[in-house]
Every structure is written in structure tokens, then in C-alpha cells.
Amino acid sequence: MNKWSIEYYVDDRGVMPVKEFINSLPVHRQANIFRVFDLVKEFGIKLGQPYLKPVSGKIWEMRPGNSRILYFVHTGKKFILLHGFTKKTRKTPKQAIRLAEKRKTSYEKRY
């Protein structure tokens, strides 16, 4: 069975915003995120809630603890990680979704 892969979005300056977000977190929160990554690689989109949830159109969120990582699924079995943040409110902030959508468009133009 082919496993799923995870890829970090890279902006025009070579920055990986999600990787930087993860690196800024305490080790125990990073461990939570990497545990969810392992589940995602194993089960892909079938993993479902509480780990994966749609937030708008083609943008979804991974939900490790109170961290959120917005992503989309690209051709093949690939999760493209677009934006990461710490959840502070019940709803995903609209500006976070807009930023993820902008990065998705940018990614699709390049690939």
C-alpha cells in the first residue's frame, strides 16, 4: 500500500512557513504534530475527525492539540502544508484561511 506524503509549502523566498511555525513550538507540541503526521502518512484522508477537518472549499486543517495546520491534498497522495497557527478561538480565523488559499494558488501555479 502506497503511503501518503507530506510536503511543506515553500514561498518565493525559500521560506517554509509551517516548518518555521513547528520549530517555534515547545518540544511536546512538536511531538503532537509529528504524531499526527505519522497518522496522516499511514491513513491519508481516511483519517478524518478529530485529526482532519474541512475549513473551506479545498482547504482542510490538521488538528494536533491546540495547533492547527492548514493544508490541501495535491495530485497523488500528497498533503501540502500551507499555514500553521495556535488555536485561540472556536472558529478558524478567516485571515488564516485566506492566507492558506493564497499559498495554495501560488503552489498550483508553480506545479
C-alpha atoms as a PDB file:
ATOM      1  CA  MET A   1       0.000   0.000   0.000  1.00  0.00           C
ATOM      2  CA  ASN A   2       1.391   3.371  -1.015  1.00  0.00           C
ATOM      3  CA  LYS A   3       1.745   5.729   1.890  1.00  0.00           C
ATOM      4  CA  TRP A   4       0.818   9.378   1.785  1.00  0.00           C
ATOM      5  CA  SER A   5       3.473  12.067   1.832  1.00  0.00           C
ATOM      6  CA  ILE A   6       3.664  15.471   3.475  1.00  0.00           C
ATOM      7  CA  GLU A   7       5.269  18.454   1.791  1.00  0.00           C
ATOM      8  CA  TYR A   8       5.891  21.906   3.217  1.00  0.00           C
ATOM      9  CA  TYR A   9       4.779  24.868   1.115  1.00  0.00           C
ATOM     10  CA  VAL A  10       7.835  26.987   0.177  1.00  0.00           C
ATOM     11  CA  ASP A  11       7.315  30.684  -0.589  1.00  0.00           C
ATOM     12  CA  ASP A  12       9.195  32.745  -3.211  1.00  0.00           C
ATOM     13  CA  ARG A  13      11.996  33.492  -0.716  1.00  0.00           C
ATOM     14  CA  GLY A  14      12.524  29.821   0.118  1.00  0.00           C
ATOM     15  CA  VAL A  15      10.759  30.102   3.485  1.00  0.00           C
ATOM     16  CA  MET A  16       8.662  27.179   4.755  1.00  0.00           C
ATOM     17  CA  PRO A  17       6.059  28.897   6.976  1.00  0.00           C
ATOM     18  CA  VAL A  18       4.681  25.688   8.530  1.00  0.00           C
ATOM     19  CA  LYS A  19       8.148  24.340   9.299  1.00  0.00           C
ATOM     20  CA  GLU A  20       9.033  27.667  10.969  1.00  0.00           C
ATOM     21  CA  PHE A  21       5.786  27.527  12.962  1.00  0.00           C
ATOM     22  CA  ILE A  22       6.522  23.984  14.162  1.00  0.00           C
ATOM     23  CA  ASN A  23      10.113  24.877  15.070  1.00  0.00           C
ATOM     24  CA  SER A  24       8.839  27.792  17.183  1.00  0.00           C
ATOM     25  CA  LEU A  25       6.780  25.477  19.400  1.00  0.00           C
ATOM     26  CA  PRO A  26       7.819  23.690  22.608  1.00  0.00           C
ATOM     27  CA  VAL A  27       9.059  20.130  22.057  1.00  0.00           C
ATOM     28  CA  HIS A  28       5.927  18.463  23.490  1.00  0.00           C
ATOM     29  CA  ARG A  29       3.712  20.329  20.983  1.00  0.00           C
ATOM     30  CA  GLN A  30       6.083  19.461  18.136  1.00  0.00           C
ATOM     31  CA  ALA A  31       5.793  15.800  19.196  1.00  0.00           C
ATOM     32  CA  ASN A  32       1.967  16.064  18.996  1.00  0.00           C
ATOM     33  CA  ILE A  33       2.239  17.430  15.458  1.00  0.00           C
ATOM     34  CA  PHE A  34       4.658  14.737  14.305  1.00  0.00           C
ATOM     35  CA  ARG A  35       2.407  12.047  15.805  1.00  0.00           C
ATOM     36  CA  VAL A  36      -0.481  13.347  13.666  1.00  0.00           C
ATOM     37  CA  PHE A  37       1.861  13.493  10.632  1.00  0.00           C
ATOM     38  CA  ASP A  38       2.587   9.776  11.149  1.00  0.00           C
ATOM     39  CA  LEU A  39      -1.153   9.006  11.232  1.00  0.00           C
ATOM     40  CA  VAL A  40      -1.726  11.113   8.104  1.00  0.00           C
ATOM     41  CA  LYS A  41       1.063   9.313   6.218  1.00  0.00           C
ATOM     42  CA  GLU A  42      -0.463   5.974   7.185  1.00  0.00           C
ATOM     43  CA  PHE A  43      -4.186   6.645   6.677  1.00  0.00           C
ATOM     44  CA  GLY A  44      -4.328   9.731   4.435  1.00  0.00           C
ATOM     45  CA  ILE A  45      -7.673  11.454   4.043  1.00  0.00           C
ATOM     46  CA  LYS A  46      -9.460   8.458   5.612  1.00  0.00           C
ATOM     47  CA  LEU A  47      -8.062   9.541   8.982  1.00  0.00           C
ATOM     48  CA  GLY A  48     -10.901  12.057   9.390  1.00  0.00           C
ATOM     49  CA  GLN A  49     -12.003  13.738  12.591  1.00  0.00           C
ATOM     50  CA  PRO A  50     -10.821  14.637  15.144  1.00  0.00           C
ATOM     51  CA  TYR A  51      -7.478  14.933  13.308  1.00  0.00           C
ATOM     52  CA  LEU A  52      -8.586  16.282   9.914  1.00  0.00           C
ATOM     53  CA  LYS A  53     -11.439  18.656   9.208  1.00  0.00           C
ATOM     54  CA  PRO A  54     -12.517  20.736   6.182  1.00  0.00           C
ATOM     55  CA  VAL A  55     -12.499  24.510   6.728  1.00  0.00           C
ATOM     56  CA  SER A  56     -13.297  25.893   3.261  1.00  0.00           C
ATOM     57  CA  GLY A  57     -13.567  24.520  -0.252  1.00  0.00           C
ATOM     58  CA  LYS A  58     -10.321  22.636  -0.740  1.00  0.00           C
ATOM     59  CA  ILE A  59      -8.596  23.833   2.446  1.00  0.00           C
ATOM     60  CA  TRP A  60      -8.512  21.455   5.399  1.00  0.00           C
ATOM     61  CA  GLU A  61      -6.966  21.623   8.840  1.00  0.00           C
ATOM     62  CA  MET A  62      -4.884  19.158  10.793  1.00  0.00           C
ATOM     63  CA  ARG A  63      -5.712  19.377  14.476  1.00  0.00           C
ATOM     64  CA  PRO A  64      -2.860  18.225  16.717  1.00  0.00           C
ATOM     65  CA  GLY A  65      -3.741  19.535  20.193  1.00  0.00           C
ATOM     66  CA  ASN A  66      -4.346  23.277  20.029  1.00  0.00           C
ATOM     67  CA  SER A  67      -2.114  23.692  16.971  1.00  0.00           C
ATOM     68  CA  ARG A  68      -3.712  23.975  13.563  1.00  0.00           C
ATOM     69  CA  ILE A  69      -2.070  23.321  10.213  1.00  0.00           C
ATOM     70  CA  LEU A  70      -3.980  24.282   7.098  1.00  0.00           C
ATOM     71  CA  TYR A  71      -3.303  22.158   4.027  1.00  0.00           C
ATOM     72  CA  PHE A  72      -4.698  20.824   0.779  1.00  0.00           C
ATOM     73  CA  VAL A  73      -4.340  17.469  -0.923  1.00  0.00           C
ATOM     74  CA  HIS A  74      -2.396  17.600  -4.178  1.00  0.00           C
ATOM     75  CA  THR A  75      -2.330  15.060  -7.017  1.00  0.00           C
ATOM     76  CA  GLY A  76      -1.059  11.724  -5.934  1.00  0.00           C
ATOM     77  CA  LYS A  77      -1.125  11.107  -2.227  1.00  0.00           C
ATOM     78  CA  LYS A  78       0.411  14.363  -1.072  1.00  0.00           C
ATOM     79  CA  PHE A  79      -0.560  16.757   1.717  1.00  0.00           C
ATOM     80  CA  ILE A  80       0.747  20.283   1.080  1.00  0.00           C
ATOM     81  CA  LEU A  81       1.102  22.154   4.391  1.00  0.00           C
ATOM     82  CA  LEU A  82       0.253  25.831   3.872  1.00  0.00           C
ATOM     83  CA  HIS A  83      -0.119  27.623   7.204  1.00  0.00           C
ATOM     84  CA  GLY A  84       0.254  26.859  10.892  1.00  0.00           C
ATOM     85  CA  PHE A  85      -1.061  28.659  13.965  1.00  0.00           C
ATOM     86  CA  THR A  86      -2.116  28.120  17.560  1.00  0.00           C
ATOM     87  CA  LYS A  87      -5.857  27.893  18.062  1.00  0.00           C
ATOM     88  CA  LYS A  88      -7.187  30.683  20.271  1.00  0.00           C
ATOM     89  CA  THR A  89     -10.853  30.850  19.256  1.00  0.00           C
ATOM     90  CA  ARG A  90     -13.572  28.330  18.398  1.00  0.00           C
ATOM     91  CA  LYS A  91     -13.525  29.121  14.683  1.00  0.00           C
ATOM     92  CA  THR A  92     -10.567  29.085  12.322  1.00  0.00           C
ATOM     93  CA  PRO A  93      -9.677  32.755  11.660  1.00  0.00           C
ATOM     94  CA  LYS A  94     -10.783  33.951   8.216  1.00  0.00           C
ATOM     95  CA  GLN A  95      -7.404  35.602   7.573  1.00  0.00           C
ATOM     96  CA  ALA A  96      -5.670  32.245   8.193  1.00  0.00           C
ATOM     97  CA  ILE A  97      -7.939  30.574   5.631  1.00  0.00           C
ATOM     98  CA  ARG A  98      -7.367  33.390   3.112  1.00  0.00           C
ATOM     99  CA  LEU A  99      -3.594  33.098   3.555  1.00  0.00           C
ATOM    100  CA  ALA A 100      -3.768  29.325   3.032  1.00  0.00           C
ATOM    101  CA  GLU A 101      -5.885  29.810  -0.110  1.00  0.00           C
ATOM    102  CA  LYS A 102      -3.371  32.348  -1.451  1.00  0.00           C
ATOM    103  CA  ARG A 103      -0.490  29.943  -0.823  1.00  0.00           C
ATOM    104  CA  LYS A 104      -2.440  27.089  -2.445  1.00  0.00           C
ATOM    105  CA  THR A 105      -2.922  29.205  -5.594  1.00  0.00           C
ATOM    106  CA  SER A 106       0.776  30.111  -5.583  1.00  0.00           C
ATOM    107  CA  TYR A 107       1.754  26.450  -5.209  1.00  0.00           C
ATOM    108  CA  GLU A 108      -0.536  25.341  -8.035  1.00  0.00           C
ATOM    109  CA  LYS A 109       0.909  27.982 -10.396  1.00  0.00           C
ATOM    110  CA  ARG A 110       4.396  26.585  -9.793  1.00  0.00           C
ATOM    111  CA  TYR A 111       3.477  22.894 -10.031  1.00  0.00           C
END
